[in-house]
Amino acid sequence: MAAYLDAIAPEVWLATKTGFTGTPTTEQLKWNAKARNTIFEAISEEVFARVNGMDLTCDIWKELIEIHEGSTKVREQKYHLFRAKYDSFKMFAHENCNDMYSRLNVIVKDINALEVSKIDSGSINRKILMLLPKPKYNIINAMLQKENLDAMEVGELVGKIRAHEIGILGMSEEPTTSKSIALKTKANKHRSSRWSSKNLTQAMKKKIIMRAHPMMKKIGNLLS
């Protein structure tokens, strides 16, 4: 922004950076107005609401610096929080590589969106290989370590590991999350079936008792 204002005219940048000493002349007020208008066109509505009441561009510029430094500190705090999650991330015992990467990628996106210090593909690839449990993944890990991990797309790496899981380790192609849902659904159906059978048995017993003992029928009607 500073370079853009200076390119318009040195006086525009001067009006923005330090302002003018003493009572500004008509010419200086024109430079100030031009700088002010240029800045207003470049900032967001949220920031505009905080500075639109200021007349001098140098005051606006000081406020913009404070806003920027404040937002930078917030981003850095968020970065350290997400980075700690990334560093302590682990692969669960029931997961396959694809499921693990789906969770890891959420954290990576949060980190990279802050634009503080982005994590590149090579670093993510090495992180994934480091997370693979031993000795189960030793063969594929050793093979992939020999490749150029910096040039390889993360999706390609995950695909190769997944092929190893299916072809060599005999792991199912169905995601573990789908398995969990299926098992839970099956268990619920089983419980529902048992409950229905129990209710049916009780109803039949009650019917037999009612037929055998007329007096019980009257009691049952009173209780129902």
Protein backbone atom coordinates (compact mmCIF):
# COMPACT_ATOMS: atom_id res chain seq x y z
CA MET A 1 0.00 0.00 0.00
CA ALA A 2 2.84 2.39 0.85
CA ALA A 3 4.44 1.84 -2.56
CA TYR A 4 1.09 2.42 -4.29
CA LEU A 5 0.52 5.73 -2.49
CA ASP A 6 4.06 6.86 -3.25
CA ALA A 7 3.55 5.95 -6.91
CA ILE A 8 0.50 8.21 -7.09
CA ALA A 9 2.64 11.10 -5.87
CA PRO A 10 5.34 11.58 -3.20
CA GLU A 11 3.09 14.18 -1.54
CA VAL A 12 0.31 11.59 -1.20
CA TRP A 13 2.63 9.26 0.68
CA LEU A 14 3.96 12.16 2.78
CA ALA A 15 0.42 13.11 3.79
CA THR A 16 -0.15 9.49 4.81
CA LYS A 17 3.10 8.74 6.59
CA THR A 18 3.75 11.91 8.62
CA GLY A 19 1.17 14.48 7.63
CA PHE A 20 1.98 18.17 7.25
CA THR A 21 3.38 20.45 9.93
CA GLY A 22 1.50 23.57 10.88
CA THR A 23 -1.71 24.65 9.20
CA PRO A 24 -2.02 22.71 5.93
CA THR A 25 -2.25 24.66 2.72
CA THR A 26 -4.98 24.16 0.14
CA GLU A 27 -2.60 22.07 -1.94
CA GLN A 28 -1.66 19.90 1.03
CA LEU A 29 -5.33 19.34 1.86
CA LYS A 30 -5.81 18.09 -1.70
CA TRP A 31 -2.99 15.56 -1.25
CA ASN A 32 -4.49 14.51 2.06
CA ALA A 33 -7.93 14.05 0.47
CA LYS A 34 -6.45 12.00 -2.36
CA ALA A 35 -4.53 9.75 0.06
CA ARG A 36 -7.60 9.36 2.30
CA ASN A 37 -9.84 8.41 -0.61
CA THR A 38 -7.28 5.89 -1.92
CA ILE A 39 -7.05 4.16 1.45
CA PHE A 40 -10.84 4.08 1.88
CA GLU A 41 -11.17 2.30 -1.47
CA ALA A 42 -8.68 -0.38 -0.41
CA ILE A 43 -9.93 -1.31 3.08
CA SER A 44 -12.82 -3.54 4.15
CA GLU A 45 -16.16 -2.24 5.42
CA GLU A 46 -15.30 -3.42 8.94
CA VAL A 47 -12.05 -1.42 9.01
CA PHE A 48 -13.71 1.55 7.26
CA ALA A 49 -16.21 1.79 10.12
CA ARG A 50 -13.30 2.31 12.52
CA VAL A 51 -11.52 5.07 10.58
CA ASN A 52 -14.10 6.92 8.48
CA GLY A 53 -14.47 9.66 11.11
CA MET A 54 -10.81 10.68 10.85
CA ASP A 55 -9.92 13.64 8.65
CA LEU A 56 -6.13 13.37 8.49
CA THR A 57 -4.70 10.47 6.51
CA CYS A 58 -1.71 10.16 8.84
CA ASP A 59 -4.11 9.42 11.74
CA ILE A 60 -5.91 6.84 9.60
CA TRP A 61 -2.57 5.24 8.74
CA LYS A 62 -1.57 4.96 12.43
CA GLU A 63 -4.92 3.31 13.22
CA LEU A 64 -4.50 0.84 10.35
CA ILE A 65 -1.08 -0.15 11.69
CA GLU A 66 -2.57 -0.82 15.15
CA ILE A 67 -5.41 -2.86 13.64
CA HIS A 68 -2.98 -4.89 11.55
CA GLU A 69 -0.60 -5.56 14.45
CA GLY A 70 -3.52 -6.60 16.66
CA SER A 71 -4.90 -9.02 14.07
CA THR A 72 -1.37 -10.38 13.52
CA LYS A 73 -1.04 -11.23 17.21
CA VAL A 74 -4.41 -13.03 17.16
CA ARG A 75 -3.32 -15.04 14.10
CA GLU A 76 -0.04 -15.96 15.77
CA GLN A 77 -1.85 -17.15 18.91
CA LYS A 78 -4.19 -19.30 16.79
CA TYR A 79 -1.21 -20.59 14.84
CA HIS A 80 0.56 -21.81 17.98
CA LEU A 81 -2.65 -23.49 19.14
CA PHE A 82 -3.18 -25.33 15.86
CA ARG A 83 0.52 -26.11 15.57
CA ALA A 84 0.45 -27.81 18.99
CA LYS A 85 -2.46 -29.96 17.76
CA TYR A 86 -0.49 -30.80 14.61
CA ASP A 87 2.66 -31.75 16.54
CA SER A 88 0.78 -33.96 19.02
CA PHE A 89 -1.42 -35.58 16.36
CA LYS A 90 -1.55 -39.40 16.44
CA MET A 91 -3.05 -42.14 14.30
CA PHE A 92 -5.72 -44.22 16.03
CA ALA A 93 -5.33 -48.02 16.15
CA HIS A 94 -8.62 -48.62 14.29
CA GLU A 95 -7.89 -46.11 11.50
CA ASN A 96 -6.59 -46.62 8.00
CA CYS A 97 -4.33 -44.04 6.38
CA ASN A 98 -7.17 -42.28 4.56
CA ASP A 99 -9.18 -41.77 7.75
CA MET A 100 -6.12 -40.52 9.59
CA TYR A 101 -5.26 -38.03 6.83
CA SER A 102 -8.85 -36.72 6.78
CA ARG A 103 -8.44 -35.66 10.41
CA LEU A 104 -4.91 -34.33 9.92
CA ASN A 105 -5.92 -32.29 6.88
CA VAL A 106 -8.46 -30.30 8.92
CA ILE A 107 -5.66 -29.08 11.19
CA VAL A 108 -3.35 -28.36 8.22
CA LYS A 109 -6.04 -26.24 6.55
CA ASP A 110 -6.60 -24.28 9.76
CA ILE A 111 -2.86 -23.58 10.03
CA ASN A 112 -2.35 -22.61 6.39
CA ALA A 113 -5.43 -20.35 6.38
CA LEU A 114 -3.73 -18.12 8.98
CA GLU A 115 -0.85 -17.43 6.55
CA VAL A 116 1.68 -17.25 9.38
CA SER A 117 3.88 -20.21 8.46
CA LYS A 118 2.36 -22.62 5.97
CA ILE A 119 2.99 -26.36 6.05
CA ASP A 120 4.11 -27.62 2.63
CA SER A 121 3.36 -30.96 1.00
CA GLY A 122 6.79 -32.40 1.79
CA SER A 123 6.36 -31.75 5.51
CA ILE A 124 2.87 -33.27 5.49
CA ASN A 125 4.16 -36.35 3.66
CA ARG A 126 6.91 -36.89 6.24
CA LYS A 127 4.41 -36.35 9.05
CA ILE A 128 2.12 -39.05 7.63
CA LEU A 129 4.97 -41.57 7.29
CA MET A 130 6.07 -40.81 10.84
CA LEU A 131 2.54 -41.50 12.10
CA LEU A 132 2.28 -44.96 10.51
CA PRO A 133 2.51 -47.61 13.27
CA LYS A 134 5.46 -50.01 13.34
CA PRO A 135 6.17 -52.74 12.38
CA LYS A 136 2.90 -52.98 10.45
CA TYR A 137 3.85 -50.32 7.90
CA ASN A 138 7.63 -50.82 7.85
CA ILE A 139 7.78 -52.08 4.24
CA ILE A 140 5.73 -49.30 2.61
CA ASN A 141 7.38 -46.71 4.86
CA ALA A 142 10.87 -47.77 3.75
CA MET A 143 9.81 -47.73 0.09
CA LEU A 144 8.27 -44.25 0.25
CA GLN A 145 11.17 -42.75 2.20
CA LYS A 146 13.34 -43.34 -0.89
CA GLU A 147 11.07 -41.20 -3.07
CA ASN A 148 11.11 -37.43 -3.49
CA LEU A 149 8.58 -36.51 -0.80
CA ASP A 150 8.90 -32.78 -1.49
CA ALA A 151 7.71 -33.21 -5.08
CA MET A 152 5.01 -35.78 -4.31
CA GLU A 153 1.42 -34.67 -3.80
CA VAL A 154 -0.06 -35.68 -0.44
CA GLY A 155 -2.98 -37.40 -2.19
CA GLU A 156 -0.55 -39.56 -4.15
CA LEU A 157 1.27 -40.61 -0.99
CA VAL A 158 -1.97 -41.49 0.79
CA GLY A 159 -3.11 -43.45 -2.27
CA LYS A 160 0.07 -45.57 -2.27
CA ILE A 161 -0.25 -46.31 1.44
CA ARG A 162 -3.92 -47.18 1.01
CA ALA A 163 -3.07 -49.60 -1.82
CA HIS A 164 -0.53 -51.27 0.48
CA GLU A 165 -3.16 -51.54 3.23
CA ILE A 166 -5.64 -53.25 0.91
CA GLY A 167 -3.24 -55.38 -1.14
CA ILE A 168 -0.63 -56.40 1.44
CA LEU A 169 -2.19 -55.89 4.85
CA GLY A 170 -5.61 -57.15 3.74
CA MET A 171 -7.49 -54.16 5.17
CA SER A 172 -11.01 -53.51 3.93
CA GLU A 173 -11.72 -50.84 1.33
CA GLU A 174 -14.65 -49.67 3.47
CA PRO A 175 -13.78 -46.65 5.65
CA THR A 176 -13.56 -47.42 9.36
CA THR A 177 -16.09 -44.68 10.06
CA SER A 178 -18.65 -46.49 7.87
CA LYS A 179 -17.92 -49.73 9.73
CA SER A 180 -18.60 -48.07 13.06
CA ILE A 181 -21.92 -46.71 11.82
CA ALA A 182 -22.90 -50.10 10.40
CA LEU A 183 -22.04 -51.91 13.63
CA LYS A 184 -23.95 -49.38 15.68
CA THR A 185 -27.01 -49.69 13.41
CA LYS A 186 -26.86 -53.47 13.58
CA ALA A 187 -26.67 -53.38 17.38
CA ASN A 188 -29.64 -51.02 17.57
CA LYS A 189 -31.69 -53.29 15.31
CA HIS A 190 -30.73 -56.30 17.44
CA ARG A 191 -31.83 -54.50 20.63
CA SER A 192 -35.05 -53.41 18.96
CA SER A 193 -35.75 -56.96 17.82
CA ARG A 194 -35.15 -58.35 21.32
CA TRP A 195 -37.45 -55.72 22.81
CA SER A 196 -40.23 -56.53 20.32
CA SER A 197 -39.94 -60.28 21.06
CA LYS A 198 -40.09 -59.62 24.81
CA ASN A 199 -43.23 -57.49 24.46
CA LEU A 200 -44.90 -60.12 22.27
CA THR A 201 -44.15 -62.88 24.80
CA GLN A 202 -45.58 -60.84 27.66
CA ALA A 203 -48.72 -60.05 25.68
CA MET A 204 -49.27 -63.73 24.89
CA LYS A 205 -48.84 -64.70 28.56
CA LYS A 206 -51.35 -62.06 29.61
CA LYS A 207 -53.86 -63.28 27.02
CA ILE A 208 -53.56 -66.90 28.22
CA ILE A 209 -54.02 -65.82 31.85
CA MET A 210 -57.08 -63.76 30.98
CA ARG A 211 -58.71 -66.69 29.21
CA ALA A 212 -57.98 -69.13 32.02
CA HIS A 213 -59.13 -66.88 34.85
CA PRO A 214 -62.09 -64.56 34.20
CA MET A 215 -61.46 -62.75 37.50
CA MET A 216 -57.95 -61.78 36.28
CA LYS A 217 -59.53 -60.14 33.26
CA LYS A 218 -61.44 -57.78 35.54
CA ILE A 219 -58.32 -56.97 37.53
CA GLY A 220 -56.38 -56.44 34.31
CA ASN A 221 -59.04 -54.01 33.04
CA LEU A 222 -58.87 -52.07 36.29
CA LEU A 223 -55.08 -51.84 36.11
CA SER A 224 -54.91 -50.90 32.43
